[in-house]
Amino acid sequence: MRSLKKLLITGFEPFGGQDVNPSWEAVKGLPDVIGDFRQPSICGIALWRTTGDSCPGTSL
């Protein structure tokens, strides 16, 4: 049996009053194995922050 590499592909829950988030809609239908990769689909919680909040010292 071959050893599969891991690939994490994330999507996010709806936020901002929306019913769906296209990022999760695109990810949730992917197969568990893609080529030589095993990929668990994970739906993350969307927390609103600016880039500067997440990456101190950036000017974005």
N, C-alpha and C. Protein backbone atom coordinates (compact mmCIF):
# COMPACT_ATOMS: atom_id res chain seq x y z
N MET A 1 0.85 -1.19 0.00
CA MET A 1 0.00 0.00 0.00
C MET A 1 0.89 1.25 0.00
N ARG A 2 0.60 2.17 -0.86
CA ARG A 2 1.41 3.40 -0.94
C ARG A 2 1.04 4.36 0.18
N SER A 3 2.02 5.16 0.57
CA SER A 3 1.80 6.16 1.61
C SER A 3 1.37 7.46 0.93
N LEU A 4 0.21 7.95 1.30
CA LEU A 4 -0.31 9.18 0.70
C LEU A 4 0.18 10.40 1.46
N LYS A 5 0.50 11.43 0.72
CA LYS A 5 0.84 12.72 1.33
C LYS A 5 -0.47 13.35 1.80
N LYS A 6 -0.37 14.24 2.76
CA LYS A 6 -1.55 14.94 3.27
C LYS A 6 -1.67 16.30 2.62
N LEU A 7 -2.87 16.66 2.28
CA LEU A 7 -3.16 17.96 1.66
C LEU A 7 -4.37 18.54 2.39
N LEU A 8 -4.21 19.69 3.00
CA LEU A 8 -5.31 20.32 3.70
C LEU A 8 -5.91 21.40 2.82
N ILE A 9 -7.18 21.24 2.52
CA ILE A 9 -7.92 22.23 1.74
C ILE A 9 -9.06 22.70 2.63
N THR A 10 -9.13 23.99 2.86
CA THR A 10 -10.13 24.51 3.77
C THR A 10 -11.18 25.35 3.06
N GLY A 11 -12.35 25.36 3.63
CA GLY A 11 -13.42 26.26 3.25
C GLY A 11 -13.92 26.87 4.54
N PHE A 12 -14.78 27.83 4.44
CA PHE A 12 -15.24 28.52 5.63
C PHE A 12 -16.76 28.59 5.68
N GLU A 13 -17.27 28.63 6.91
CA GLU A 13 -18.71 28.74 7.10
C GLU A 13 -19.20 30.09 6.61
N PRO A 14 -20.50 30.22 6.36
CA PRO A 14 -21.05 31.51 5.95
C PRO A 14 -20.86 32.56 7.05
N PHE A 15 -20.67 33.79 6.66
CA PHE A 15 -20.55 34.89 7.61
C PHE A 15 -21.12 36.14 6.98
N GLY A 16 -21.25 37.18 7.75
CA GLY A 16 -21.77 38.44 7.24
C GLY A 16 -23.22 38.37 6.80
N GLY A 17 -23.99 37.47 7.42
CA GLY A 17 -25.40 37.36 7.07
C GLY A 17 -25.70 36.52 5.84
N GLN A 18 -24.68 35.92 5.26
CA GLN A 18 -24.87 35.09 4.07
C GLN A 18 -25.34 33.69 4.45
N ASP A 19 -26.04 33.02 3.54
CA ASP A 19 -26.52 31.66 3.78
C ASP A 19 -25.48 30.61 3.42
N VAL A 20 -24.61 30.91 2.47
CA VAL A 20 -23.57 29.97 2.04
C VAL A 20 -22.26 30.72 1.87
N ASN A 21 -21.17 29.98 1.92
CA ASN A 21 -19.86 30.54 1.62
C ASN A 21 -19.31 29.73 0.45
N PRO A 22 -19.04 30.36 -0.67
CA PRO A 22 -18.56 29.63 -1.84
C PRO A 22 -17.28 28.83 -1.59
N SER A 23 -16.46 29.27 -0.65
CA SER A 23 -15.22 28.53 -0.38
C SER A 23 -15.53 27.13 0.14
N TRP A 24 -16.51 27.01 1.02
CA TRP A 24 -16.89 25.69 1.54
C TRP A 24 -17.65 24.90 0.50
N GLU A 25 -18.48 25.55 -0.29
CA GLU A 25 -19.22 24.85 -1.34
C GLU A 25 -18.25 24.20 -2.33
N ALA A 26 -17.15 24.87 -2.62
CA ALA A 26 -16.16 24.33 -3.56
C ALA A 26 -15.39 23.17 -2.96
N VAL A 27 -15.11 23.20 -1.67
CA VAL A 27 -14.26 22.21 -1.02
C VAL A 27 -15.03 20.95 -0.61
N LYS A 28 -16.26 21.10 -0.14
CA LYS A 28 -16.95 19.97 0.47
C LYS A 28 -17.23 18.82 -0.50
N GLY A 29 -17.26 19.08 -1.77
CA GLY A 29 -17.52 18.03 -2.74
C GLY A 29 -16.28 17.32 -3.27
N LEU A 30 -15.10 17.73 -2.81
CA LEU A 30 -13.88 17.10 -3.30
C LEU A 30 -13.74 15.68 -2.77
N PRO A 31 -13.12 14.79 -3.55
CA PRO A 31 -12.91 13.43 -3.08
C PRO A 31 -11.88 13.38 -1.95
N ASP A 32 -11.89 12.29 -1.17
CA ASP A 32 -10.95 12.14 -0.06
C ASP A 32 -9.52 11.93 -0.54
N VAL A 33 -9.36 11.39 -1.74
CA VAL A 33 -8.03 11.17 -2.30
C VAL A 33 -7.96 11.86 -3.66
N ILE A 34 -6.91 12.67 -3.84
CA ILE A 34 -6.67 13.36 -5.10
C ILE A 34 -5.25 13.03 -5.51
N GLY A 35 -5.08 12.20 -6.53
CA GLY A 35 -3.74 11.79 -6.95
C GLY A 35 -3.02 11.06 -5.83
N ASP A 36 -1.86 11.57 -5.44
CA ASP A 36 -1.06 10.99 -4.35
C ASP A 36 -1.35 11.65 -3.01
N PHE A 37 -2.45 12.38 -2.93
CA PHE A 37 -2.75 13.13 -1.72
C PHE A 37 -4.05 12.65 -1.07
N ARG A 38 -4.03 12.54 0.24
CA ARG A 38 -5.24 12.32 1.04
C ARG A 38 -5.60 13.69 1.60
N GLN A 39 -6.83 14.09 1.39
CA GLN A 39 -7.19 15.43 1.84
C GLN A 39 -8.46 15.41 2.66
N PRO A 40 -8.35 15.72 3.95
CA PRO A 40 -9.57 15.87 4.74
C PRO A 40 -10.17 17.25 4.47
N SER A 41 -11.45 17.31 4.26
CA SER A 41 -12.11 18.60 4.07
C SER A 41 -12.48 19.16 5.43
N ILE A 42 -12.13 20.40 5.67
CA ILE A 42 -12.40 21.04 6.95
C ILE A 42 -13.13 22.35 6.71
N CYS A 43 -14.22 22.53 7.43
CA CYS A 43 -14.96 23.79 7.37
C CYS A 43 -14.56 24.62 8.57
N GLY A 44 -13.90 25.73 8.33
CA GLY A 44 -13.43 26.58 9.41
C GLY A 44 -14.45 27.63 9.81
N ILE A 45 -14.27 28.14 10.99
CA ILE A 45 -15.11 29.22 11.49
C ILE A 45 -14.54 30.53 10.96
N ALA A 46 -15.39 31.34 10.39
CA ALA A 46 -14.96 32.62 9.84
C ALA A 46 -15.01 33.70 10.92
N LEU A 47 -13.85 34.21 11.29
CA LEU A 47 -13.76 35.30 12.26
C LEU A 47 -13.27 36.53 11.52
N TRP A 48 -13.95 37.63 11.67
CA TRP A 48 -13.60 38.85 10.95
C TRP A 48 -12.45 39.56 11.65
N ARG A 49 -11.37 39.74 10.94
CA ARG A 49 -10.22 40.53 11.40
C ARG A 49 -9.61 41.20 10.20
N THR A 50 -8.91 42.26 10.43
CA THR A 50 -8.15 42.83 9.34
C THR A 50 -6.81 42.12 9.28
N THR A 51 -6.12 42.21 8.16
CA THR A 51 -4.84 41.55 8.02
C THR A 51 -3.87 42.01 9.11
N GLY A 52 -3.89 43.29 9.44
CA GLY A 52 -3.00 43.80 10.47
C GLY A 52 -3.24 43.18 11.82
N ASP A 53 -4.51 42.82 12.11
CA ASP A 53 -4.82 42.14 13.38
C ASP A 53 -4.20 40.74 13.42
N SER A 54 -4.23 40.05 12.29
CA SER A 54 -3.72 38.69 12.22
C SER A 54 -2.21 38.65 12.06
N CYS A 55 -1.66 39.66 11.42
CA CYS A 55 -0.22 39.69 11.10
C CYS A 55 0.37 41.01 11.60
N PRO A 56 0.65 41.10 12.90
CA PRO A 56 1.20 42.34 13.42
C PRO A 56 2.45 42.78 12.65
N GLY A 57 2.56 44.06 12.45
CA GLY A 57 3.72 44.60 11.75
C GLY A 57 3.51 44.74 10.25
N THR A 58 2.35 44.28 9.75
CA THR A 58 2.10 44.45 8.32
C THR A 58 1.36 45.75 8.09
N SER A 59 1.45 46.26 6.90
CA SER A 59 0.75 47.50 6.58
C SER A 59 -0.48 47.23 5.72
N LEU A 60 -0.91 45.96 5.66
CA LEU A 60 -2.07 45.62 4.83
C LEU A 60 -3.36 45.86 5.56
